[in-house]
N, C-alpha and C. Protein backbone atom coordinates (compact mmCIF):
# COMPACT_ATOMS: atom_id res chain seq x y z
N MET A 1 50.91 24.51 -30.84
CA MET A 1 50.92 24.26 -32.31
C MET A 1 51.03 25.28 -33.22
N ASP A 2 51.81 25.30 -33.61
CA ASP A 2 52.43 25.95 -34.52
C ASP A 2 51.52 26.22 -35.90
N LYS A 3 51.27 27.34 -36.52
CA LYS A 3 49.78 27.57 -37.63
C LYS A 3 50.65 28.38 -38.81
N SER A 4 50.09 27.72 -39.79
CA SER A 4 50.78 27.94 -41.16
C SER A 4 49.87 29.65 -41.40
N CYS A 5 50.89 30.37 -42.66
CA CYS A 5 50.59 31.61 -42.65
C CYS A 5 49.13 31.23 -43.29
N GLU A 6 48.31 32.25 -43.05
CA GLU A 6 46.96 32.45 -43.65
C GLU A 6 46.98 32.84 -44.99
N TYR A 7 47.64 33.56 -45.31
CA TYR A 7 47.74 34.67 -46.70
C TYR A 7 47.20 33.64 -47.57
N ILE A 8 46.24 34.18 -48.60
CA ILE A 8 45.72 33.30 -49.74
C ILE A 8 46.43 34.29 -51.06
N PHE A 9 46.93 33.31 -52.10
CA PHE A 9 47.55 33.87 -52.98
C PHE A 9 46.17 34.70 -54.14
N THR A 10 46.29 35.34 -54.72
CA THR A 10 45.28 36.05 -55.57
C THR A 10 45.83 36.04 -57.17
N LYS A 11 47.40 35.74 -57.00
CA LYS A 11 47.45 35.78 -58.67
C LYS A 11 48.71 34.94 -58.28
N GLY A 12 49.21 34.71 -60.33
CA GLY A 12 50.52 33.86 -60.12
C GLY A 12 50.28 32.04 -60.40
N MET A 13 51.19 31.49 -60.04
CA MET A 13 50.74 30.30 -60.17
C MET A 13 50.15 29.49 -59.10
N TYR A 14 50.19 30.22 -58.44
CA TYR A 14 49.60 29.62 -56.45
C TYR A 14 47.97 30.35 -56.00
N LYS A 15 47.98 30.44 -57.40
CA LYS A 15 46.06 31.79 -57.56
C LYS A 15 45.44 30.95 -56.43
N GLY A 16 44.92 31.38 -55.45
CA GLY A 16 43.66 30.43 -54.53
C GLY A 16 44.02 29.55 -53.28
N GLY A 17 45.58 29.11 -53.52
CA GLY A 17 46.39 28.48 -52.36
C GLY A 17 47.15 29.19 -51.63
N ALA A 18 47.11 28.60 -50.24
CA ALA A 18 47.51 29.16 -48.98
C ALA A 18 49.16 29.18 -49.10
N CYS A 19 49.62 29.82 -48.30
CA CYS A 19 50.95 30.10 -48.19
C CYS A 19 51.03 29.18 -46.79
N ALA A 20 52.41 28.33 -47.29
CA ALA A 20 52.86 27.57 -46.53
C ALA A 20 53.88 27.65 -45.28
N SER A 21 54.17 28.61 -45.32
CA SER A 21 55.25 29.47 -44.30
C SER A 21 54.91 29.29 -42.83
N ARG A 22 55.50 29.36 -41.59
CA ARG A 22 55.23 29.19 -40.73
C ARG A 22 54.91 30.56 -40.37
N GLY A 23 53.25 30.80 -39.77
CA GLY A 23 52.69 32.02 -39.06
C GLY A 23 53.17 32.26 -37.92
N LYS A 24 53.60 33.67 -37.66
CA LYS A 24 54.40 34.26 -36.57
C LYS A 24 53.52 35.21 -36.35
N VAL A 25 53.14 36.19 -36.91
CA VAL A 25 52.51 37.27 -36.95
C VAL A 25 51.13 37.44 -36.69
N PRO A 26 50.51 37.55 -35.59
CA PRO A 26 48.74 38.36 -35.64
C PRO A 26 48.62 39.21 -35.80
N LEU A 27 47.20 39.31 -37.05
CA LEU A 27 47.04 40.30 -37.32
C LEU A 27 45.64 40.57 -38.11
N LEU A 28 44.43 40.81 -37.38
CA LEU A 28 43.42 41.12 -37.72
C LEU A 28 42.70 39.66 -37.65
N GLY A 29 42.84 39.28 -36.52
CA GLY A 29 42.47 37.87 -36.22
C GLY A 29 42.94 36.69 -37.00
N GLN A 30 43.86 37.04 -37.68
CA GLN A 30 44.52 35.94 -38.20
C GLN A 30 46.04 35.77 -38.53
N VAL A 31 46.89 34.78 -38.84
CA VAL A 31 48.28 34.75 -38.30
C VAL A 31 48.81 34.66 -39.89
N TYR A 32 50.05 35.51 -40.10
CA TYR A 32 51.09 35.32 -41.09
C TYR A 32 52.14 35.34 -40.97
N CYS A 33 52.89 35.01 -41.94
CA CYS A 33 54.18 34.99 -41.98
C CYS A 33 54.96 36.18 -41.97
N ALA A 34 56.39 36.65 -41.63
CA ALA A 34 56.78 37.97 -41.56
C ALA A 34 56.47 38.80 -42.86
N THR A 35 56.73 37.79 -43.79
CA THR A 35 56.40 38.69 -45.55
C THR A 35 54.93 39.48 -45.64
N HIS A 36 54.18 38.10 -45.37
CA HIS A 36 53.15 38.46 -45.62
C HIS A 36 52.37 39.47 -44.70
N ALA A 37 52.41 39.26 -43.13
CA ALA A 37 52.08 40.11 -42.68
C ALA A 37 52.43 41.64 -42.87
N ARG A 38 53.56 41.92 -43.46
CA ARG A 38 53.98 43.60 -44.00
C ARG A 38 53.03 43.87 -45.24
N GLU A 39 52.96 43.03 -46.22
CA GLU A 39 51.69 43.03 -47.37
C GLU A 39 50.46 43.46 -47.09
N ILE A 40 49.82 42.68 -46.07
CA ILE A 40 48.64 43.28 -45.63
C ILE A 40 48.86 44.33 -44.66
N GLU A 41 49.72 44.91 -44.06
CA GLU A 41 49.97 46.33 -43.32
C GLU A 41 49.61 47.44 -44.33
N LYS A 42 50.56 47.10 -45.27
CA LYS A 42 50.55 48.14 -46.56
C LYS A 42 49.19 48.27 -47.27
N LYS A 43 48.21 47.48 -47.12
CA LYS A 43 47.02 47.10 -48.02
C LYS A 43 45.94 47.90 -47.11
N ALA A 44 46.31 48.06 -45.58
CA ALA A 44 45.36 48.36 -44.75
C ALA A 44 45.64 49.69 -44.35
N ASN A 45 47.03 50.38 -44.58
CA ASN A 45 47.75 51.56 -44.87
C ASN A 45 46.95 52.40 -45.99
N ARG A 46 46.80 51.57 -47.11
CA ARG A 46 46.74 52.42 -48.68
C ARG A 46 45.03 52.39 -48.35
N ILE A 47 44.43 51.86 -47.83
CA ILE A 47 43.07 51.63 -47.54
C ILE A 47 42.24 53.36 -46.58
N GLN A 48 43.38 53.06 -45.22
CA GLN A 48 43.28 54.57 -44.44
C GLN A 48 43.58 55.48 -45.13
N GLN A 49 44.42 55.56 -45.81
CA GLN A 49 44.83 56.86 -46.80
C GLN A 49 43.93 57.53 -47.69
N SER A 50 42.94 56.19 -48.19
CA SER A 50 42.37 56.59 -49.64
C SER A 50 40.97 57.08 -48.67
N THR A 51 40.53 56.50 -47.52
CA THR A 51 39.57 57.06 -46.93
C THR A 51 39.86 58.08 -46.51
N ALA A 52 40.65 58.65 -45.57
CA ALA A 52 41.32 59.97 -45.38
C ALA A 52 41.14 60.96 -46.36
N ILE A 53 41.52 60.76 -47.37
CA ILE A 53 41.54 61.82 -48.62
C ILE A 53 40.43 61.71 -49.23
N MET A 54 39.22 60.24 -49.04
CA MET A 54 37.77 61.41 -49.70
C MET A 54 37.51 61.50 -48.33
N ASN A 55 37.43 61.22 -46.85
CA ASN A 55 37.04 62.50 -46.00
C ASN A 55 37.24 63.92 -46.30
N GLN A 56 38.47 64.35 -46.69
CA GLN A 56 38.32 65.61 -47.11
C GLN A 56 38.15 66.24 -47.64
N ILE A 57 37.69 65.39 -48.87
CA ILE A 57 36.72 65.93 -50.07
C ILE A 57 35.25 66.08 -49.73
N GLN A 58 34.82 64.89 -48.83
CA GLN A 58 33.28 64.63 -49.00
C GLN A 58 33.18 64.25 -47.00
N GLU A 59 32.54 64.97 -46.30
CA GLU A 59 32.23 64.49 -45.49
C GLU A 59 31.95 63.21 -44.89
N PRO A 60 32.54 62.73 -44.04
CA PRO A 60 32.54 61.02 -43.70
C PRO A 60 30.73 60.78 -43.63
N GLY A 61 30.35 59.72 -43.98
CA GLY A 61 28.88 59.69 -43.69
C GLY A 61 28.27 59.96 -45.24
N LEU A 62 28.70 60.94 -45.82
CA LEU A 62 28.08 61.72 -46.92
C LEU A 62 27.98 61.01 -48.49
N MET A 63 28.75 59.47 -48.01
CA MET A 63 28.72 58.98 -49.55
C MET A 63 27.58 58.65 -50.19
N ARG A 64 26.90 58.86 -49.72
CA ARG A 64 25.06 58.46 -49.97
C ARG A 64 24.50 59.54 -50.20
N MET A 65 24.03 60.51 -51.04
CA MET A 65 23.18 61.67 -51.26
C MET A 65 22.24 61.25 -50.63
N PRO A 66 21.75 62.25 -49.18
CA PRO A 66 20.46 62.37 -48.41
C PRO A 66 19.24 62.21 -49.49
N GLY A 67 18.41 61.60 -48.87
CA GLY A 67 16.76 61.65 -50.01
C GLY A 67 16.95 60.87 -50.82
N GLU A 68 17.98 60.22 -51.24
CA GLU A 68 17.90 59.59 -52.28
C GLU A 68 17.60 58.13 -52.39
N SER A 69 17.12 57.78 -50.96
CA SER A 69 17.11 55.91 -50.74
C SER A 69 15.69 55.70 -51.10
N ILE A 70 15.26 54.43 -51.91
CA ILE A 70 13.90 53.97 -52.60
C ILE A 70 13.32 53.73 -51.33
N LYS A 71 12.15 54.35 -51.59
CA LYS A 71 10.95 53.84 -50.68
C LYS A 71 10.10 52.93 -51.79
N SER A 72 9.13 52.50 -50.75
CA SER A 72 7.58 52.46 -51.81
C SER A 72 6.57 52.46 -50.84
N SER A 73 5.56 52.68 -51.41
CA SER A 73 4.30 53.17 -51.15
C SER A 73 3.39 52.53 -51.69
N ILE A 74 2.20 52.18 -51.08
CA ILE A 74 0.96 51.71 -51.68
C ILE A 74 -0.32 52.14 -51.10
N PHE A 75 -1.13 52.75 -52.39
CA PHE A 75 -2.44 53.73 -51.72
C PHE A 75 -3.77 53.01 -52.71
N PHE A 76 -4.70 53.38 -51.78
CA PHE A 76 -5.96 52.54 -51.86
C PHE A 76 -6.95 53.65 -52.26
N ILE A 77 -7.56 53.67 -53.14
CA ILE A 77 -8.46 54.79 -53.19
C ILE A 77 -9.84 54.23 -53.81
N MET A 78 -10.76 54.58 -53.03
CA MET A 78 -12.21 54.29 -53.07
C MET A 78 -12.84 55.18 -53.43
N MET A 79 -13.77 55.30 -54.38
CA MET A 79 -14.61 55.89 -54.84
C MET A 79 -16.08 55.55 -54.97
N ASN A 80 -16.87 55.95 -54.05
CA ASN A 80 -18.12 55.67 -54.32
C ASN A 80 -19.22 56.88 -54.76
N SER A 81 -19.77 56.11 -55.76
CA SER A 81 -20.87 56.79 -56.20
C SER A 81 -22.04 57.27 -55.34
N ASN A 82 -22.38 56.87 -54.22
CA ASN A 82 -23.50 56.95 -53.49
C ASN A 82 -24.53 56.60 -54.36
N LYS A 83 -24.79 56.20 -55.21
CA LYS A 83 -26.15 56.20 -56.13
C LYS A 83 -25.98 54.47 -56.66
N GLN A 84 -27.17 54.03 -56.73
CA GLN A 84 -27.35 52.74 -57.11
C GLN A 84 -27.55 52.41 -58.83
N PRO A 85 -26.95 51.43 -59.42
CA PRO A 85 -27.00 51.23 -60.82
C PRO A 85 -28.44 51.52 -61.45
N ASP A 86 -29.41 51.32 -60.89
CA ASP A 86 -30.52 51.62 -61.61
C ASP A 86 -31.12 52.72 -61.52
N LYS A 87 -30.24 53.49 -61.05
CA LYS A 87 -30.79 54.92 -60.70
C LYS A 87 -29.75 55.97 -61.71
N LEU A 88 -28.87 55.23 -62.20
CA LEU A 88 -27.51 56.18 -62.61
C LEU A 88 -27.88 55.71 -63.92
N GLY A 89 -28.93 54.47 -64.57
CA GLY A 89 -28.81 53.93 -65.89
C GLY A 89 -27.66 53.41 -66.55
N ASP A 90 -27.94 53.12 -67.57
CA ASP A 90 -26.93 52.18 -68.28
C ASP A 90 -25.53 53.15 -68.42
N ALA A 91 -25.91 54.37 -69.05
CA ALA A 91 -24.84 55.54 -69.53
C ALA A 91 -24.41 55.82 -68.83
N GLY A 92 -24.98 56.23 -66.90
CA GLY A 92 -24.15 56.76 -66.05
C GLY A 92 -23.19 55.19 -65.48
N VAL A 93 -23.74 54.16 -65.35
CA VAL A 93 -22.68 52.97 -64.99
C VAL A 93 -21.95 53.09 -66.23
N ALA A 94 -21.88 53.35 -67.23
CA ALA A 94 -20.66 53.55 -68.57
C ALA A 94 -19.46 54.08 -67.97
N LYS A 95 -20.30 55.79 -67.67
CA LYS A 95 -19.25 56.54 -67.79
C LYS A 95 -18.73 56.46 -66.14
N PHE A 96 -19.01 55.78 -65.10
CA PHE A 96 -18.65 55.71 -64.02
C PHE A 96 -17.24 54.61 -64.02
N THR A 97 -17.48 53.35 -64.42
CA THR A 97 -17.00 52.29 -64.69
C THR A 97 -15.56 53.04 -65.67
N LYS A 98 -16.15 53.68 -66.90
CA LYS A 98 -14.78 54.32 -67.57
C LYS A 98 -13.72 55.24 -67.10
N MET A 99 -14.90 56.33 -65.86
CA MET A 99 -13.60 56.82 -65.04
C MET A 99 -12.90 56.02 -63.62
N ILE A 100 -13.41 54.78 -63.34
CA ILE A 100 -12.56 54.07 -62.69
C ILE A 100 -10.94 53.55 -63.55
N SER A 101 -11.44 52.93 -64.75
CA SER A 101 -10.48 52.56 -65.41
C SER A 101 -9.72 53.17 -66.01
N TYR A 102 -10.21 55.04 -66.53
CA TYR A 102 -9.29 55.95 -66.56
C TYR A 102 -8.08 56.27 -65.62
N MET A 103 -8.38 56.17 -64.45
CA MET A 103 -7.99 56.40 -63.02
C MET A 103 -6.74 55.43 -62.56
N LYS A 104 -6.45 54.05 -63.09
CA LYS A 104 -5.90 53.44 -62.89
C LYS A 104 -4.37 53.22 -63.82
N ARG A 105 -4.73 54.62 -64.77
CA ARG A 105 -3.21 54.87 -66.13
C ARG A 105 -2.19 55.43 -65.41
N GLU A 106 -1.01 54.64 -65.58
CA GLU A 106 0.25 55.54 -64.87
C GLU A 106 0.30 56.90 -65.05
N ASP A 107 -0.60 57.67 -66.66
CA ASP A 107 -0.37 59.05 -66.75
C ASP A 107 -1.35 59.65 -65.64
N VAL A 108 -2.44 58.98 -65.55
CA VAL A 108 -3.10 59.60 -65.03
C VAL A 108 -3.09 59.83 -63.31
N ILE A 109 -2.70 58.85 -62.88
CA ILE A 109 -2.10 58.59 -61.36
C ILE A 109 -1.05 59.81 -61.34
N ARG A 110 0.30 59.93 -61.61
CA ARG A 110 1.31 60.58 -61.58
C ARG A 110 1.10 61.97 -61.77
N SER A 111 -0.09 62.14 -62.57
CA SER A 111 -0.85 63.94 -62.41
C SER A 111 -1.23 64.24 -61.40
N TYR A 112 -1.89 62.94 -60.15
CA TYR A 112 -2.44 63.60 -59.07
C TYR A 112 -1.05 63.27 -57.97
N LEU A 113 -0.10 62.94 -58.17
CA LEU A 113 0.92 62.87 -57.01
C LEU A 113 1.54 64.35 -56.84
N ILE A 114 1.20 64.75 -55.48
CA ILE A 114 2.06 65.88 -55.02
C ILE A 114 3.01 65.72 -54.05
N HIS A 115 4.04 66.84 -53.98
CA HIS A 115 5.23 66.70 -52.71
C HIS A 115 4.21 66.78 -51.51
N ALA A 116 4.72 65.67 -50.54
CA ALA A 116 3.66 65.37 -48.95
C ALA A 116 3.82 66.45 -48.05
N ASP A 117 5.29 67.36 -48.65
CA ASP A 117 5.77 68.73 -47.70
C ASP A 117 4.99 69.64 -47.80
N ASN A 118 5.06 70.29 -49.34
CA ASN A 118 4.41 71.56 -50.06
C ASN A 118 3.49 71.64 -50.93
N GLY A 119 3.15 70.10 -51.10
CA GLY A 119 1.55 70.29 -52.08
C GLY A 119 2.25 70.77 -53.57
N GLN A 120 3.53 70.72 -53.95
CA GLN A 120 3.48 71.01 -55.41
C GLN A 120 3.63 69.92 -56.26
N PRO A 121 3.43 69.93 -57.59
CA PRO A 121 3.49 68.94 -58.24
C PRO A 121 4.83 68.07 -58.18
N ILE A 122 4.69 66.48 -58.14
CA ILE A 122 6.04 65.73 -57.60
C ILE A 122 7.12 66.11 -58.82
N ASP A 123 8.25 65.96 -58.64
CA ASP A 123 9.53 65.54 -59.39
C ASP A 123 9.26 64.04 -60.08
N GLN A 124 8.97 64.07 -61.40
CA GLN A 124 8.75 63.04 -61.88
C GLN A 124 9.85 61.74 -61.68
N SER A 125 10.87 62.49 -62.15
CA SER A 125 12.36 61.64 -61.85
C SER A 125 12.69 61.06 -60.62
N LYS A 126 11.71 61.42 -59.60
CA LYS A 126 11.71 60.61 -58.39
C LYS A 126 11.56 58.78 -58.26
N ILE A 127 10.12 58.96 -59.03
CA ILE A 127 9.25 57.96 -59.18
C ILE A 127 9.98 57.08 -60.12
N MET A 128 10.43 55.62 -59.71
CA MET A 128 11.09 54.49 -60.32
C MET A 128 10.36 53.78 -60.80
N SER A 129 9.04 53.38 -60.13
CA SER A 129 8.31 52.35 -61.02
C SER A 129 6.51 52.63 -60.05
N LEU A 130 5.56 52.31 -60.83
CA LEU A 130 4.55 52.53 -60.65
C LEU A 130 3.52 51.41 -61.42
N ARG A 131 2.48 50.61 -60.53
CA ARG A 131 1.54 49.88 -61.38
C ARG A 131 0.22 50.03 -60.60
N SER A 132 -0.97 49.48 -60.83
CA SER A 132 -2.31 49.56 -60.30
C SER A 132 -3.14 48.80 -60.44
N HIS A 133 -4.01 48.36 -60.05
CA HIS A 133 -5.21 47.86 -60.20
C HIS A 133 -6.40 48.27 -59.97
N SER A 134 -7.36 48.09 -60.56
CA SER A 134 -8.71 48.48 -60.39
C SER A 134 -10.21 47.61 -60.58
N ASP A 135 -11.26 47.54 -59.70
CA ASP A 135 -12.37 47.08 -60.36
C ASP A 135 -13.44 47.95 -59.65
N VAL A 136 -14.52 47.28 -60.12
CA VAL A 136 -15.71 48.31 -59.90
C VAL A 136 -16.86 47.28 -59.16
N GLU A 137 -17.41 47.71 -58.02
CA GLU A 137 -18.40 46.82 -57.35
C GLU A 137 -19.78 47.52 -57.33
N VAL A 138 -20.59 46.72 -56.79
CA VAL A 138 -21.95 47.07 -56.23
C VAL A 138 -22.24 46.81 -54.96
N GLY A 139 -22.22 47.41 -53.88
CA GLY A 139 -22.12 47.56 -52.28
C GLY A 139 -23.29 46.16 -52.04
N GLN A 140 -23.23 45.50 -50.72
CA GLN A 140 -23.63 44.44 -51.00
C GLN A 140 -25.44 44.77 -50.09
N ASN A 141 -24.54 45.94 -49.51
CA ASN A 141 -25.89 46.55 -48.13
C ASN A 141 -26.71 47.34 -49.03
N THR A 142 -26.10 48.46 -49.51
CA THR A 142 -26.66 49.79 -49.90
C THR A 142 -27.04 49.35 -51.48
N LEU A 143 -25.98 48.54 -52.13
CA LEU A 143 -26.11 48.65 -53.60
C LEU A 143 -25.79 49.93 -54.53
N ARG A 144 -25.24 50.43 -53.64
CA ARG A 144 -24.24 51.48 -54.63
C ARG A 144 -23.23 51.14 -55.43
N LEU A 145 -23.16 51.92 -56.64
CA LEU A 145 -21.66 51.66 -57.11
C LEU A 145 -20.42 52.32 -56.69
N HIS A 146 -19.57 51.26 -56.36
CA HIS A 146 -18.39 52.17 -56.21
C HIS A 146 -16.74 51.22 -56.98
N GLY A 147 -15.69 52.36 -56.87
CA GLY A 147 -14.52 51.35 -57.64
C GLY A 147 -13.65 51.54 -56.37
N ASN A 148 -12.71 50.79 -56.74
CA ASN A 148 -11.13 50.67 -56.00
C ASN A 148 -10.12 50.98 -56.70
N ILE A 149 -9.13 51.36 -56.41
CA ILE A 149 -7.93 51.82 -57.28
C ILE A 149 -7.09 51.41 -56.43
N SER A 150 -5.93 50.36 -56.64
CA SER A 150 -5.04 49.75 -55.74
C SER A 150 -3.53 50.39 -56.78
N ILE A 151 -3.02 51.33 -56.23
CA ILE A 151 -1.46 51.97 -56.64
C ILE A 151 -0.22 51.18 -55.91
N GLU A 152 0.65 50.68 -56.35
CA GLU A 152 1.95 50.53 -55.65
C GLU A 152 3.31 51.54 -56.57
N ILE A 153 3.86 52.53 -56.11
CA ILE A 153 4.71 53.35 -56.28
C ILE A 153 5.92 53.11 -55.67
N TYR A 154 7.32 52.94 -56.18
CA TYR A 154 8.79 52.72 -56.10
C TYR A 154 8.96 54.29 -56.20
N HIS A 155 9.49 55.25 -55.11
CA HIS A 155 9.92 56.30 -55.55
C HIS A 155 11.16 57.28 -54.38
N LYS A 156 11.24 58.14 -54.80
CA LYS A 156 12.83 58.78 -53.87
C LYS A 156 12.29 59.66 -53.19
N THR A 157 11.21 60.38 -53.01
CA THR A 157 10.74 61.60 -52.13
C THR A 157 9.71 61.00 -51.95
N ARG A 158 9.00 62.43 -50.93
CA ARG A 158 8.10 61.98 -49.92
C ARG A 158 6.77 62.48 -50.81
N LEU A 159 5.94 61.51 -50.48
CA LEU A 159 4.84 62.03 -51.93
C LEU A 159 3.18 61.78 -51.58
N LYS A 160 2.13 62.34 -51.49
CA LYS A 160 0.72 62.31 -51.49
C LYS A 160 -0.32 61.88 -53.14
N VAL A 161 -1.12 61.91 -52.75
CA VAL A 161 -2.46 61.73 -53.69
C VAL A 161 -3.44 63.17 -53.37
N ASP A 162 -2.95 64.40 -54.59
CA ASP A 162 -3.93 65.73 -54.24
C ASP A 162 -5.61 65.06 -54.31
N LEU A 163 -6.09 64.84 -53.24
CA LEU A 163 -7.27 64.26 -53.16
C LEU A 163 -8.20 65.46 -53.30
N THR A 164 -7.94 66.85 -53.15
CA THR A 164 -8.89 67.98 -53.44
C THR A 164 -9.17 67.82 -54.59
N ARG A 165 -8.00 67.79 -55.81
CA ARG A 165 -8.12 68.29 -57.31
C ARG A 165 -8.81 66.89 -57.58
N LEU A 166 -8.33 65.83 -57.17
CA LEU A 166 -9.08 64.48 -57.61
C LEU A 166 -10.83 64.49 -57.33
N ARG A 167 -11.25 64.83 -55.87
CA ARG A 167 -12.72 64.79 -56.09
C ARG A 167 -13.15 65.85 -56.51
N ASN A 168 -12.48 66.87 -57.03
CA ASN A 168 -12.96 68.28 -57.99
C ASN A 168 -13.46 67.61 -59.21
N ASP A 169 -12.31 67.31 -59.87
CA ASP A 169 -12.19 66.33 -60.95
C ASP A 169 -13.02 65.50 -61.47
N THR A 170 -13.63 64.50 -60.55
CA THR A 170 -14.37 63.41 -60.27
C THR A 170 -15.78 64.28 -60.70
N LYS A 171 -15.97 64.98 -59.83
CA LYS A 171 -17.59 65.85 -59.48
C LYS A 171 -17.65 66.95 -61.35
N GLN A 172 -16.50 67.21 -61.32
CA GLN A 172 -16.65 67.76 -62.86
C GLN A 172 -16.88 66.92 -63.91
N TYR A 173 -16.21 65.40 -64.02
CA TYR A 173 -16.64 64.81 -65.18
C TYR A 173 -18.13 63.81 -64.85
N LEU A 174 -18.12 63.46 -63.63
CA LEU A 174 -19.01 62.55 -63.55
C LEU A 174 -20.80 63.81 -63.22
N GLY A 175 -20.53 64.81 -62.85
CA GLY A 175 -22.20 65.75 -62.84
C GLY A 175 -22.37 65.68 -61.35
N TYR A 176 -21.60 64.81 -60.30
CA TYR A 176 -22.42 64.74 -59.29
C TYR A 176 -20.73 64.19 -58.42
N THR A 177 -21.33 64.69 -57.24
CA THR A 177 -20.80 64.36 -55.74
C THR A 177 -20.37 63.38 -55.65
N THR A 178 -19.48 62.67 -55.57
CA THR A 178 -18.63 61.08 -55.00
C THR A 178 -17.89 61.13 -53.97
N LYS A 179 -18.19 60.35 -53.21
CA LYS A 179 -17.54 59.99 -51.88
C LYS A 179 -15.93 59.39 -52.37
N ILE A 180 -14.48 60.43 -51.86
CA ILE A 180 -13.55 59.65 -52.13
C ILE A 180 -12.50 59.49 -50.96
N THR A 181 -12.00 58.33 -50.64
CA THR A 181 -11.11 58.30 -49.61
C THR A 181 -9.75 57.75 -50.06
N VAL A 182 -8.94 58.17 -49.36
CA VAL A 182 -7.66 57.10 -49.86
C VAL A 182 -6.88 57.05 -48.64
N THR A 183 -6.48 55.83 -48.46
CA THR A 183 -5.25 54.82 -47.41
C THR A 183 -3.95 54.50 -47.90
N CYS A 184 -3.09 54.94 -47.07
CA CYS A 184 -1.75 54.51 -47.19
C CYS A 184 -1.51 53.22 -46.14
N PRO A 185 -1.59 51.74 -46.34
CA PRO A 185 -1.09 50.82 -45.47
C PRO A 185 -0.17 51.01 -45.12
N LYS A 186 0.78 50.84 -44.06
CA LYS A 186 1.84 50.71 -43.70
C LYS A 186 2.48 49.18 -44.89
N VAL A 187 3.81 49.88 -45.36
CA VAL A 187 4.56 48.74 -46.32
C VAL A 187 4.77 47.51 -45.73
N ALA A 188 5.54 47.65 -44.59
CA ALA A 188 5.45 46.23 -43.52
C ALA A 188 4.47 45.36 -43.13
N GLN A 189 3.28 45.73 -43.33
CA GLN A 189 2.55 45.25 -43.08
C GLN A 189 1.48 44.25 -44.52
N MET A 190 1.93 45.24 -45.69
CA MET A 190 1.36 44.89 -46.97
C MET A 190 2.51 45.40 -47.87
N PRO A 191 3.38 44.50 -48.24
CA PRO A 191 4.63 44.80 -48.86
C PRO A 191 5.13 45.06 -50.20
N ASN A 192 3.30 44.23 -50.73
CA ASN A 192 2.98 44.57 -52.26
C ASN A 192 1.96 44.49 -52.72
N ILE A 193 1.76 45.31 -53.97
CA ILE A 193 0.27 45.14 -53.94
C ILE A 193 -0.48 44.02 -54.91
N ASP A 194 0.01 42.93 -54.88
CA ASP A 194 -0.52 41.51 -54.96
C ASP A 194 -1.08 41.43 -53.67
N ASN A 195 -0.39 41.40 -52.57
CA ASN A 195 -1.43 41.19 -51.10
C ASN A 195 -2.36 41.68 -51.01
N PHE A 196 -2.03 43.38 -51.21
CA PHE A 196 -2.83 44.64 -51.05
C PHE A 196 -4.62 44.17 -51.83
N VAL A 197 -4.32 43.39 -52.92
CA VAL A 197 -5.22 43.78 -53.88
C VAL A 197 -6.30 42.49 -53.36
N ARG A 198 -5.51 41.15 -53.17
CA ARG A 198 -6.12 40.09 -52.09
C ARG A 198 -7.03 40.63 -51.01
N TYR A 199 -5.94 41.59 -50.43
CA TYR A 199 -6.88 41.81 -48.85
C TYR A 199 -7.90 43.01 -49.10
N ALA A 200 -7.93 43.93 -50.09
CA ALA A 200 -9.07 44.31 -50.78
C ALA A 200 -10.19 43.93 -51.28
N SER A 201 -10.24 42.65 -51.79
CA SER A 201 -10.91 41.67 -52.33
C SER A 201 -11.29 40.49 -51.40
N LYS A 202 -11.08 40.74 -49.96
CA LYS A 202 -10.91 39.50 -49.07
C LYS A 202 -12.68 39.23 -49.32
N HIS A 203 -13.44 40.28 -49.15
CA HIS A 203 -15.28 40.57 -48.92
C HIS A 203 -15.59 39.82 -50.10
N GLN A 204 -15.30 40.52 -51.50
CA GLN A 204 -15.40 39.75 -52.86
C GLN A 204 -15.86 37.83 -52.73
N ILE A 205 -14.32 37.71 -52.17
CA ILE A 205 -13.84 36.23 -52.26
C ILE A 205 -14.80 35.60 -51.69
N GLU A 206 -15.03 36.08 -49.97
CA GLU A 206 -15.84 35.29 -49.24
C GLU A 206 -16.83 35.58 -48.98
N GLN A 207 -17.51 36.60 -49.47
CA GLN A 207 -18.90 36.98 -48.99
C GLN A 207 -19.78 37.47 -50.23
N GLY A 208 -18.84 37.50 -51.27
CA GLY A 208 -19.42 38.64 -52.66
C GLY A 208 -18.92 39.88 -52.30
N ASN A 209 -19.65 41.08 -52.57
CA ASN A 209 -19.81 42.55 -52.88
C ASN A 209 -19.89 43.08 -51.53
N VAL A 210 -18.90 44.11 -51.18
CA VAL A 210 -19.20 44.73 -49.72
C VAL A 210 -19.28 46.05 -50.20
N ASP A 211 -19.72 47.13 -49.09
CA ASP A 211 -19.51 48.24 -49.48
C ASP A 211 -18.33 49.16 -49.02
N THR A 212 -18.11 50.16 -49.52
CA THR A 212 -16.96 50.63 -49.00
C THR A 212 -16.75 51.23 -47.77
N ASP A 213 -17.92 51.60 -46.98
CA ASP A 213 -18.14 52.01 -45.91
C ASP A 213 -17.56 50.37 -44.82
N ASP A 214 -17.74 48.98 -45.28
CA ASP A 214 -17.18 48.50 -44.43
C ASP A 214 -15.68 48.22 -44.69
N VAL A 215 -15.19 48.45 -45.61
CA VAL A 215 -13.72 48.46 -45.85
C VAL A 215 -13.26 49.53 -45.09
N GLU A 216 -13.72 50.55 -45.30
CA GLU A 216 -13.28 51.50 -44.23
C GLU A 216 -13.10 51.40 -42.82
N GLN A 217 -13.61 50.74 -42.16
CA GLN A 217 -13.87 50.22 -40.99
C GLN A 217 -12.98 49.39 -40.19
N GLU A 218 -12.35 48.50 -41.44
CA GLU A 218 -11.38 48.10 -41.20
C GLU A 218 -9.87 48.14 -40.67
């Protein structure tokens, strides 16, 4: 059975309609009349020539600059005071709580980000977006005061949290040593900070407060 030309007009009074001529020439998996087959071949040749010209200027496969793909990372920072609230006193608890709140500020978080390869300050232009969540808890078993900061970052470079500086600054601010850990779950398992906050808070929802040591073991 003869087939009609499958060329679709893209302009003029027949725009959107198919050619009614008899299809004789198979080309690129379709059938065209002789006139439109020549037109399709010319278009294919123009595309091929344009690609060849671009490949002379820029090597094939380098149309997208390396290292510029957007990545997403989630950091979970746990700060354990190792002290019970009654021993810290009202002023001590207020100071610790203020520090946790301070740590979720975007400008503060950015200041603690360093390049994962050389430890140098991160190029801030490589950070596309950042958001965070924080809470303060008292451990169920040890009754020690601790804070949790969840951070989600979209970025174009390899980065990590400067844990050494964070520990030093926290000790200087509070006047005593705290236990600070940073974990970075796989994004495929924890696709966004909302799910991560729910995960980090599941003991609060199901069992009440939980000590940071219990969280670390999971």
